[in-house]
């Protein structure tokens, strides 16, 4: 992958996460990706990552972060 395209996709994913758009953030992962570092109670994949992010999601209190 082109370095500039990779950078743009990564920044798009981070911006999506900051907007609270989990689908937009998780779209950066390839189908079948293994996500390391997740708690034992979730599957080590994008669905497990979504579950963790949903569990830790807090209401937006500033102009940054999830809503």
PDB file of N, CA and C in Angstrom:
ATOM      1  N   UNK A   1       0.851  -1.181   0.000  1.00  0.00           N
ATOM      2  CA  UNK A   1       0.000   0.000   0.000  1.00  0.00           C
ATOM      3  C   UNK A   1       0.895   1.241   0.000  1.00  0.00           C
ATOM      4  N   UNK A   2       0.489   2.207  -0.724  1.00  0.00           N
ATOM      5  CA  UNK A   2       1.170   3.488  -0.783  1.00  0.00           C
ATOM      6  C   UNK A   2       1.199   4.122   0.609  1.00  0.00           C
ATOM      7  N   UNK A   3       2.343   4.679   0.998  1.00  0.00           N
ATOM      8  CA  UNK A   3       2.502   5.254   2.339  1.00  0.00           C
ATOM      9  C   UNK A   3       1.521   6.400   2.591  1.00  0.00           C
ATOM     10  N   UNK A   4       1.312   7.247   1.603  1.00  0.00           N
ATOM     11  CA  UNK A   4       0.386   8.372   1.784  1.00  0.00           C
ATOM     12  C   UNK A   4      -1.061   7.886   1.921  1.00  0.00           C
ATOM     13  N   UNK A   5      -1.421   6.867   1.152  1.00  0.00           N
ATOM     14  CA  UNK A   5      -2.761   6.308   1.251  1.00  0.00           C
ATOM     15  C   UNK A   5      -2.961   5.647   2.610  1.00  0.00           C
ATOM     16  N   UNK A   6      -1.952   4.934   3.066  1.00  0.00           N
ATOM     17  CA  UNK A   6      -2.011   4.307   4.385  1.00  0.00           C
ATOM     18  C   UNK A   6      -2.185   5.363   5.472  1.00  0.00           C
ATOM     19  N   UNK A   7      -1.430   6.444   5.382  1.00  0.00           N
ATOM     20  CA  UNK A   7      -1.540   7.525   6.360  1.00  0.00           C
ATOM     21  C   UNK A   7      -2.944   8.142   6.329  1.00  0.00           C
ATOM     22  N   UNK A   8      -3.459   8.392   5.132  1.00  0.00           N
ATOM     23  CA  UNK A   8      -4.789   8.995   4.998  1.00  0.00           C
ATOM     24  C   UNK A   8      -5.868   8.086   5.581  1.00  0.00           C
ATOM     25  N   UNK A   9      -5.778   6.788   5.309  1.00  0.00           N
ATOM     26  CA  UNK A   9      -6.773   5.852   5.844  1.00  0.00           C
ATOM     27  C   UNK A   9      -6.691   5.767   7.364  1.00  0.00           C
ATOM     28  N   UNK A  10      -5.473   5.792   7.894  1.00  0.00           N
ATOM     29  CA  UNK A  10      -5.302   5.755   9.349  1.00  0.00           C
ATOM     30  C   UNK A  10      -5.887   7.006   9.991  1.00  0.00           C
ATOM     31  N   UNK A  11      -5.605   8.170   9.424  1.00  0.00           N
ATOM     32  CA  UNK A  11      -6.151   9.415   9.963  1.00  0.00           C
ATOM     33  C   UNK A  11      -7.679   9.452   9.840  1.00  0.00           C
ATOM     34  N   UNK A  12      -8.213   8.923   8.744  1.00  0.00           N
ATOM     35  CA  UNK A  12      -9.672   8.841   8.594  1.00  0.00           C
ATOM     36  C   UNK A  12     -10.268   7.967   9.691  1.00  0.00           C
ATOM     37  N   UNK A  13      -9.603   6.853   9.999  1.00  0.00           N
ATOM     38  CA  UNK A  13     -10.095   5.949  11.050  1.00  0.00           C
ATOM     39  C   UNK A  13     -10.066   6.633  12.416  1.00  0.00           C
ATOM     40  N   UNK A  14      -8.997   7.337  12.717  1.00  0.00           N
ATOM     41  CA  UNK A  14      -8.881   8.044  13.997  1.00  0.00           C
ATOM     42  C   UNK A  14      -9.957   9.122  14.092  1.00  0.00           C
ATOM     43  N   UNK A  15     -10.160   9.855  13.018  1.00  0.00           N
ATOM     44  CA  UNK A  15     -11.203  10.884  13.014  1.00  0.00           C
ATOM     45  C   UNK A  15     -12.583  10.266  13.207  1.00  0.00           C
ATOM     46  N   UNK A  16     -12.816   9.124  12.590  1.00  0.00           N
ATOM     47  CA  UNK A  16     -14.097   8.437  12.772  1.00  0.00           C
ATOM     48  C   UNK A  16     -14.285   8.048  14.232  1.00  0.00           C
ATOM     49  N   UNK A  17     -13.250   7.510  14.850  1.00  0.00           N
ATOM     50  CA  UNK A  17     -13.336   7.136  16.262  1.00  0.00           C
ATOM     51  C   UNK A  17     -13.625   8.361  17.119  1.00  0.00           C
ATOM     52  N   UNK A  18     -12.971   9.461  16.838  1.00  0.00           N
ATOM     53  CA  UNK A  18     -13.198  10.684  17.610  1.00  0.00           C
ATOM     54  C   UNK A  18     -14.613  11.234  17.438  1.00  0.00           C
ATOM     55  N   UNK A  19     -15.238  10.923  16.307  1.00  0.00           N
ATOM     56  CA  UNK A  19     -16.633  11.346  16.077  1.00  0.00           C
ATOM     57  C   UNK A  19     -17.626  10.374  16.696  1.00  0.00           C
ATOM     58  N   UNK A  20     -17.132   9.238  17.161  1.00  0.00           N
ATOM     59  CA  UNK A  20     -18.020   8.231  17.708  1.00  0.00           C
ATOM     60  C   UNK A  20     -18.540   7.263  16.666  1.00  0.00           C
ATOM     61  N   UNK A  21     -17.934   7.277  15.495  1.00  0.00           N
ATOM     62  CA  UNK A  21     -18.337   6.419  14.385  1.00  0.00           C
ATOM     63  C   UNK A  21     -17.536   5.121  14.438  1.00  0.00           C
ATOM     64  N   UNK A  22     -18.043   4.142  15.213  1.00  0.00           N
ATOM     65  CA  UNK A  22     -17.306   2.883  15.364  1.00  0.00           C
ATOM     66  C   UNK A  22     -17.185   2.129  14.050  1.00  0.00           C
ATOM     67  N   UNK A  23     -18.237   2.143  13.234  1.00  0.00           N
ATOM     68  CA  UNK A  23     -18.158   1.460  11.940  1.00  0.00           C
ATOM     69  C   UNK A  23     -17.058   2.068  11.074  1.00  0.00           C
ATOM     70  N   UNK A  24     -16.996   3.391  11.054  1.00  0.00           N
ATOM     71  CA  UNK A  24     -15.952   4.066  10.284  1.00  0.00           C
ATOM     72  C   UNK A  24     -14.569   3.742  10.790  1.00  0.00           C
ATOM     73  N   UNK A  25     -14.410   3.678  12.110  1.00  0.00           N
ATOM     74  CA  UNK A  25     -13.121   3.340  12.700  1.00  0.00           C
ATOM     75  C   UNK A  25     -12.740   1.889  12.398  1.00  0.00           C
ATOM     76  N   UNK A  26     -13.664   0.989  12.611  1.00  0.00           N
ATOM     77  CA  UNK A  26     -13.360  -0.430  12.454  1.00  0.00           C
ATOM     78  C   UNK A  26     -13.209  -0.849  10.995  1.00  0.00           C
ATOM     79  N   UNK A  27     -13.644  -0.013  10.070  1.00  0.00           N
ATOM     80  CA  UNK A  27     -13.521  -0.321   8.642  1.00  0.00           C
ATOM     81  C   UNK A  27     -12.069  -0.429   8.199  1.00  0.00           C
ATOM     82  N   UNK A  28     -11.144   0.107   8.974  1.00  0.00           N
ATOM     83  CA  UNK A  28      -9.736   0.047   8.600  1.00  0.00           C
ATOM     84  C   UNK A  28      -9.175  -1.373   8.739  1.00  0.00           C
ATOM     85  N   UNK A  29      -9.840  -2.199   9.540  1.00  0.00           N
ATOM     86  CA  UNK A  29      -9.369  -3.568   9.741  1.00  0.00           C
ATOM     87  C   UNK A  29      -9.732  -4.453   8.555  1.00  0.00           C
ATOM     88  N   UNK A  30      -8.812  -5.290   8.155  1.00  0.00           N
ATOM     89  CA  UNK A  30      -9.070  -6.250   7.078  1.00  0.00           C
ATOM     90  C   UNK A  30     -10.024  -7.332   7.563  1.00  0.00           C
ATOM     91  N   UNK A  31     -10.823  -7.879   6.658  1.00  0.00           N
ATOM     92  CA  UNK A  31     -11.682  -9.000   7.047  1.00  0.00           C
ATOM     93  C   UNK A  31     -10.822 -10.128   7.635  1.00  0.00           C
ATOM     94  N   UNK A  32     -11.266 -10.667   8.748  1.00  0.00           N
ATOM     95  CA  UNK A  32     -10.524 -11.754   9.379  1.00  0.00           C
ATOM     96  C   UNK A  32      -9.344 -11.320  10.216  1.00  0.00           C
ATOM     97  N   UNK A  33      -9.180 -10.012  10.409  1.00  0.00           N
ATOM     98  CA  UNK A  33      -8.040  -9.517  11.198  1.00  0.00           C
ATOM     99  C   UNK A  33      -8.108 -10.046  12.623  1.00  0.00           C
ATOM    100  N   UNK A  34      -6.942 -10.357  13.174  1.00  0.00           N
ATOM    101  CA  UNK A  34      -6.833 -10.758  14.573  1.00  0.00           C
ATOM    102  C   UNK A  34      -6.394  -9.528  15.352  1.00  0.00           C
ATOM    103  N   UNK A  35      -7.166  -9.167  16.366  1.00  0.00           N
ATOM    104  CA  UNK A  35      -6.886  -7.984  17.173  1.00  0.00           C
ATOM    105  C   UNK A  35      -6.286  -8.453  18.497  1.00  0.00           C
ATOM    106  N   UNK A  36      -5.053  -8.080  18.736  1.00  0.00           N
ATOM    107  CA  UNK A  36      -4.348  -8.496  19.944  1.00  0.00           C
ATOM    108  C   UNK A  36      -4.594  -7.512  21.085  1.00  0.00           C
ATOM    109  N   UNK A  37      -4.492  -8.011  22.313  1.00  0.00           N
ATOM    110  CA  UNK A  37      -4.586  -7.157  23.486  1.00  0.00           C
ATOM    111  C   UNK A  37      -5.989  -6.945  24.017  1.00  0.00           C
ATOM    112  N   UNK A  38      -6.952  -7.673  23.498  1.00  0.00           N
ATOM    113  CA  UNK A  38      -8.322  -7.542  23.990  1.00  0.00           C
ATOM    114  C   UNK A  38      -8.509  -8.405  25.236  1.00  0.00           C
ATOM    115  N   UNK A  39      -9.464  -8.052  26.076  1.00  0.00           N
ATOM    116  CA  UNK A  39      -9.746  -8.861  27.260  1.00  0.00           C
ATOM    117  C   UNK A  39     -10.155 -10.288  26.871  1.00  0.00           C
ATOM    118  N   UNK A  40      -9.961 -11.208  27.789  1.00  0.00           N
ATOM    119  CA  UNK A  40     -10.269 -12.614  27.531  1.00  0.00           C
ATOM    120  C   UNK A  40     -11.741 -12.876  27.247  1.00  0.00           C
ATOM    121  N   UNK A  41     -12.637 -12.015  27.723  1.00  0.00           N
ATOM    122  CA  UNK A  41     -14.062 -12.289  27.561  1.00  0.00           C
ATOM    123  C   UNK A  41     -14.608 -11.940  26.172  1.00  0.00           C
ATOM    124  N   UNK A  42     -13.770 -11.414  25.287  1.00  0.00           N
ATOM    125  CA  UNK A  42     -14.215 -11.101  23.927  1.00  0.00           C
ATOM    126  C   UNK A  42     -13.373 -11.860  22.914  1.00  0.00           C
ATOM    127  N   UNK A  43     -13.928 -12.029  21.731  1.00  0.00           N
ATOM    128  CA  UNK A  43     -13.183 -12.702  20.672  1.00  0.00           C
ATOM    129  C   UNK A  43     -12.101 -11.760  20.141  1.00  0.00           C
ATOM    130  N   UNK A  44     -10.964 -12.334  19.710  1.00  0.00           N
ATOM    131  CA  UNK A  44      -9.849 -11.505  19.251  1.00  0.00           C
ATOM    132  C   UNK A  44     -10.008 -11.067  17.792  1.00  0.00           C
ATOM    133  N   UNK A  45     -11.119 -10.442  17.510  1.00  0.00           N
ATOM    134  CA  UNK A  45     -11.395  -9.993  16.152  1.00  0.00           C
ATOM    135  C   UNK A  45     -12.085  -8.628  16.187  1.00  0.00           C
ATOM    136  N   UNK A  46     -12.506  -8.165  15.036  1.00  0.00           N
ATOM    137  CA  UNK A  46     -13.127  -6.844  14.954  1.00  0.00           C
ATOM    138  C   UNK A  46     -14.398  -6.784  15.799  1.00  0.00           C
ATOM    139  N   UNK A  47     -15.171  -7.861  15.834  1.00  0.00           N
ATOM    140  CA  UNK A  47     -16.381  -7.865  16.666  1.00  0.00           C
ATOM    141  C   UNK A  47     -16.033  -7.726  18.141  1.00  0.00           C
ATOM    142  N   UNK A  48     -14.970  -8.391  18.580  1.00  0.00           N
ATOM    143  CA  UNK A  48     -14.524  -8.263  19.960  1.00  0.00           C
ATOM    144  C   UNK A  48     -14.036  -6.857  20.261  1.00  0.00           C
ATOM    145  N   UNK A  49     -13.327  -6.270  19.296  1.00  0.00           N
ATOM    146  CA  UNK A  49     -12.835  -4.902  19.471  1.00  0.00           C
ATOM    147  C   UNK A  49     -14.015  -3.933  19.587  1.00  0.00           C
ATOM    148  N   UNK A  50     -15.036  -4.153  18.750  1.00  0.00           N
ATOM    149  CA  UNK A  50     -16.249  -3.327  18.815  1.00  0.00           C
ATOM    150  C   UNK A  50     -16.895  -3.445  20.197  1.00  0.00           C
ATOM    151  N   UNK A  51     -16.952  -4.670  20.716  1.00  0.00           N
ATOM    152  CA  UNK A  51     -17.560  -4.886  22.031  1.00  0.00           C
ATOM    153  C   UNK A  51     -16.815  -4.111  23.119  1.00  0.00           C
ATOM    154  N   UNK A  52     -15.488  -4.164  23.082  1.00  0.00           N
ATOM    155  CA  UNK A  52     -14.692  -3.448  24.084  1.00  0.00           C
ATOM    156  C   UNK A  52     -14.896  -1.948  23.959  1.00  0.00           C
ATOM    157  N   UNK A  53     -14.847  -1.445  22.732  1.00  0.00           N
ATOM    158  CA  UNK A  53     -15.029  -0.004  22.537  1.00  0.00           C
ATOM    159  C   UNK A  53     -16.415   0.448  22.976  1.00  0.00           C
ATOM    160  N   UNK A  54     -17.415  -0.376  22.752  1.00  0.00           N
ATOM    161  CA  UNK A  54     -18.774  -0.057  23.184  1.00  0.00           C
ATOM    162  C   UNK A  54     -18.876  -0.054  24.701  1.00  0.00           C
ATOM    163  N   UNK A  55     -18.202  -1.013  25.351  1.00  0.00           N
ATOM    164  CA  UNK A  55     -18.219  -1.095  26.814  1.00  0.00           C
ATOM    165  C   UNK A  55     -17.580   0.127  27.471  1.00  0.00           C
ATOM    166  N   UNK A  56     -16.521   0.653  26.858  1.00  0.00           N
ATOM    167  CA  UNK A  56     -15.802   1.766  27.497  1.00  0.00           C
ATOM    168  C   UNK A  56     -16.299   3.129  27.038  1.00  0.00           C
ATOM    169  N   UNK A  57     -17.221   3.127  26.107  1.00  0.00           N
ATOM    170  CA  UNK A  57     -17.733   4.386  25.567  1.00  0.00           C
ATOM    171  C   UNK A  57     -18.395   5.208  26.664  1.00  0.00           C
ATOM    172  N   UNK A  58     -18.066   6.487  26.710  1.00  0.00           N
ATOM    173  CA  UNK A  58     -18.645   7.400  27.696  1.00  0.00           C
ATOM    174  C   UNK A  58     -19.290   8.567  26.960  1.00  0.00           C
ATOM    175  N   UNK A  59     -20.272   9.209  27.557  1.00  0.00           N
ATOM    176  CA  UNK A  59     -20.900  10.357  26.898  1.00  0.00           C
ATOM    177  C   UNK A  59     -19.889  11.463  26.605  1.00  0.00           C
ATOM    178  N   UNK A  60     -20.100  12.139  25.529  1.00  0.00           N
ATOM    179  CA  UNK A  60     -19.235  13.248  25.138  1.00  0.00           C
ATOM    180  C   UNK A  60     -19.410  14.405  26.115  1.00  0.00           C
ATOM    181  N   UNK A  61     -18.295  14.890  26.640  1.00  0.00           N
ATOM    182  CA  UNK A  61     -18.361  16.020  27.579  1.00  0.00           C
ATOM    183  C   UNK A  61     -17.573  17.213  27.073  1.00  0.00           C
ATOM    184  N   UNK A  62     -16.824  17.037  25.988  1.00  0.00           N
ATOM    185  CA  UNK A  62     -16.048  18.134  25.420  1.00  0.00           C
ATOM    186  C   UNK A  62     -16.236  18.118  23.916  1.00  0.00           C
ATOM    187  N   UNK A  63     -15.501  18.940  23.225  1.00  0.00           N
ATOM    188  CA  UNK A  63     -15.587  18.973  21.769  1.00  0.00           C
ATOM    189  C   UNK A  63     -14.706  17.901  21.144  1.00  0.00           C
ATOM    190  N   UNK A  64     -14.089  17.051  21.950  1.00  0.00           N
ATOM    191  CA  UNK A  64     -13.265  15.949  21.448  1.00  0.00           C
ATOM    192  C   UNK A  64     -13.803  14.635  21.987  1.00  0.00           C
ATOM    193  N   UNK A  65     -13.587  13.575  21.268  1.00  0.00           N
ATOM    194  CA  UNK A  65     -13.983  12.265  21.756  1.00  0.00           C
ATOM    195  C   UNK A  65     -15.331  11.834  21.248  1.00  0.00           C
ATOM    196  N   UNK A  66     -15.807  10.752  21.795  1.00  0.00           N
ATOM    197  CA  UNK A  66     -17.064  10.150  21.343  1.00  0.00           C
ATOM    198  C   UNK A  66     -18.251  10.919  21.871  1.00  0.00           C
ATOM    199  N   UNK A  67     -19.315  10.830  21.123  1.00  0.00           N
ATOM    200  CA  UNK A  67     -20.545  11.484  21.574  1.00  0.00           C
ATOM    201  C   UNK A  67     -21.429  10.497  22.289  1.00  0.00           C
TER     202      UNK A  67
END
